[in-house]
Amino acid sequence: MVKEEEACCDEDSKSVCCSIESVVSVDERGQMVLPKEVREKAGINPGDKLAVVMMKEGEESCCITLIKVTDLSDSVKVVLGPMMKEVSGE
């Protein structure tokens, strides 16, 4: 029997896998620091902008995700680009 984590993170698997990379604290000003190892793995550099995306379950927020704005813009172009060309008749 394969453990769920092994099945999820299997190199041959096409599914997305989540893991806890670190635990951070929020200070009294609402600020937190992403550890260097996390920034390096994610390719986050000084000056990069991150979009904060919240998922809700009913009225409760259940997940917070950080997405590099450059990655988000590329995704928007891929999704909306073809639709905009169709609308404009190109």
Protein backbone atom coordinates (compact mmCIF):
# COMPACT_ATOMS: atom_id res chain seq x y z
CA MET A 1 0.00 0.00 0.00
CA VAL A 2 1.36 3.45 -0.97
CA LYS A 3 1.15 6.25 1.55
CA GLU A 4 -0.93 9.24 0.39
CA GLU A 5 2.11 11.57 0.56
CA GLU A 6 4.19 9.22 -1.57
CA ALA A 7 1.42 8.93 -4.16
CA CYS A 8 0.99 12.70 -4.25
CA CYS A 9 4.68 13.52 -4.51
CA ASP A 10 5.65 10.63 -6.79
CA GLU A 11 7.95 11.89 -9.56
CA ASP A 12 5.71 10.26 -12.18
CA SER A 13 2.57 11.84 -10.73
CA LYS A 14 1.04 14.78 -12.62
CA SER A 15 -0.86 15.96 -9.53
CA VAL A 16 0.02 18.99 -7.45
CA CYS A 17 1.62 18.24 -4.13
CA CYS A 18 1.65 20.43 -1.05
CA SER A 19 4.09 20.39 1.83
CA ILE A 20 4.87 22.54 4.84
CA GLU A 21 8.11 24.31 3.96
CA SER A 22 8.38 26.44 7.08
CA VAL A 23 6.40 28.12 9.82
CA VAL A 24 6.49 31.92 10.07
CA SER A 25 5.30 34.35 12.72
CA VAL A 26 3.35 37.54 12.18
CA ASP A 27 4.60 40.49 14.23
CA GLU A 28 2.52 43.23 15.83
CA ARG A 29 2.65 45.26 12.60
CA GLY A 30 1.30 42.34 10.55
CA GLN A 31 4.64 41.62 8.91
CA MET A 32 6.29 38.26 8.40
CA VAL A 33 9.55 37.05 6.89
CA LEU A 34 9.76 34.31 4.29
CA PRO A 35 12.84 32.24 5.11
CA LYS A 36 15.74 32.44 2.65
CA GLU A 37 15.38 28.76 1.70
CA VAL A 38 11.71 29.27 0.76
CA ARG A 39 12.51 32.40 -1.28
CA GLU A 40 15.29 30.58 -3.11
CA LYS A 41 13.11 27.52 -3.89
CA ALA A 42 10.29 29.78 -5.15
CA GLY A 43 12.61 32.09 -7.09
CA ILE A 44 11.47 35.12 -5.09
CA ASN A 45 13.94 38.01 -5.31
CA PRO A 46 14.09 41.44 -3.66
CA GLY A 47 11.57 43.75 -5.31
CA ASP A 48 9.32 40.92 -6.58
CA LYS A 49 5.60 41.51 -6.09
CA LEU A 50 3.40 38.76 -4.66
CA ALA A 51 -0.38 38.52 -5.02
CA VAL A 52 -2.19 37.32 -1.91
CA VAL A 53 -5.00 34.92 -2.88
CA MET A 54 -7.52 33.78 -0.26
CA MET A 55 -9.78 30.79 -0.57
CA LYS A 56 -12.99 30.74 1.42
CA GLU A 57 -15.07 27.91 2.73
CA GLY A 58 -18.44 29.48 3.44
CA GLU A 59 -17.74 32.67 5.38
CA GLU A 60 -14.39 31.43 6.72
CA SER A 61 -11.04 31.94 5.01
CA CYS A 62 -9.32 28.58 4.85
CA CYS A 63 -6.19 29.11 2.74
CA ILE A 64 -3.84 31.93 1.83
CA THR A 65 -1.60 31.53 -1.21
CA LEU A 66 1.18 33.78 -2.46
CA ILE A 67 1.65 33.94 -6.24
CA LYS A 68 4.40 35.90 -7.98
CA VAL A 69 2.64 38.65 -9.95
CA THR A 70 4.73 37.85 -13.02
CA ASP A 71 3.42 34.27 -12.94
CA LEU A 72 -0.12 35.51 -12.40
CA SER A 73 0.12 37.92 -15.35
CA ASP A 74 1.35 35.13 -17.61
CA SER A 75 -1.60 32.96 -16.54
CA VAL A 76 -4.07 35.78 -17.21
CA LYS A 77 -2.60 36.30 -20.69
CA VAL A 78 -2.92 32.58 -21.47
CA VAL A 79 -6.53 32.46 -20.28
CA LEU A 80 -7.82 35.82 -21.49
CA GLY A 81 -5.67 36.35 -24.59
CA PRO A 82 -7.55 33.93 -26.86
CA MET A 83 -10.92 35.21 -25.60
CA MET A 84 -9.93 38.83 -26.28
CA LYS A 85 -8.79 37.95 -29.82
CA GLU A 86 -12.12 36.22 -30.44
CA VAL A 87 -14.10 39.21 -29.13
CA SER A 88 -12.07 41.71 -31.17
CA GLY A 89 -12.42 39.57 -34.31
CA GLU A 90 -8.70 39.05 -34.88
